[in-house]
Every structure is written in C-alpha cells, then in structure tokens.
Amino acid sequence: MKIIGIGGMNGSGKDTVAKYLSEKFGFLNASATEMFLEELKKRGWPPDRESKRKLSAEWRREFGLGVIVDKGVELFNADPKKYKGLAVGSLRNPGEADRVHELGGIMLWVDAEPSIRYERIQKNLAERKGTHVEENKTFEEFLAEEKAEMKHSGDAATLSMGDVKARADITLDNSANVDSFKKTIEKALAAYL
C-alpha cells in the first residue's frame, strides 16, 4: 500500500492535497477532521477546534500515537482493491508521522504565508455559512493559536505541529493558485505516484 501522510498549518491546503490525490490518482482520502467530526457528533460535543484537540489526545492515549494513521489503514483495508493508495491527514502529532514512516510511506508538509492561510480560512467560513463550525478569530488570535499548536504541552498525546514538520520528507509551498499548486504536488510526488 502506498501511503502519504499530510501535515501542515491551518489553511495551508492539506485538504486540497488529499482531494487531489483521491480524484486524480485514486487514493483513499482518510481525513482526521472527518473522523473527529463523526465521533464528536456521536458524543454530542461541539465540532470546534478545542473539542477536536481534546478527542485526538484521548484517542492517542487510548489507542497509541499513530491512531489516526491506523484508522486510515483500517478504512483502506476494508476495500483495498478500490484504491491505489492512502492519503491520510491532517496529521498533527509526531507519532502519526512516525507511523506513516513505519508503514513505508512518506510525509508531506504543506504550508503558505500566514496571511494567505488566514484569508483562506475566513473565505471558507463565509462559504460554509454555518455548515462547518469553526471559531471566527482575529489574525492575532489565529497566530497565537497556531504558535501554541507547534509544541506539545509536555503530554506526548497532544498536538505538536513543529515535530510533524521536522519529520516531513517533502515540503510543499501553497502560496500560489490552485492550478499551480496541483502542478507542484505532481512534481514533488512524481517518483512516488
């Protein structure tokens, strides 16, 4: 099984990468966000960032640091002939990146300038019109939140985006338009796809 783990800062284009790998190359798009939202709905918890952080730490403590990747592998193995590979993201803990590598996969880190990422998030919030709950933050709050997510709090089960970035095999800059970014994805992954 080909496996590509996807990490990156909020609004960087992780979902764009996963969707493109799914649509163009036949990969299963195993989204951690969708996994969390499904579980949060079952529990009656609000679908906000804080609930997702709390749930992800709980899962890592209970099932291991690579749980998100393992859940993606389970989804893939349910119908392995249907897909050419597995794209799993958004990975936010180094144990997830390590698990991708243990399975012989590669890790991508997707990023863009903070102001560009913030604008994308604001645009997405407006387009979703309440169908996807995220807190509407100022740019300063956005920067403070992502700074806090770069290093875990001393608990290995919490977010540590900086450690995921350090484990990336390939870094993609998504500061340009979508068409240009798709070309960047293909070029960066040509040997793997």
Foldseek 3Di string as FASTA:
>chain_A
DEEEEEEEAAQQCSVVLLVCCCVPVFADEQELLVVQVVVCVVVVHDSEPVSSQVVQLVCCVVPNLQVQVVVQVVVCVVPVVRGPYYYYDDDFALRNLVVCVVVVYAYEYGGEPLVNSLVSVVVVCVVCVPVHDYDNDDSVVSVVVVVCQCPDPPRRSGGRRVSSVVSHPYYAYDHDDSVVSSVRSCVRCVVPD
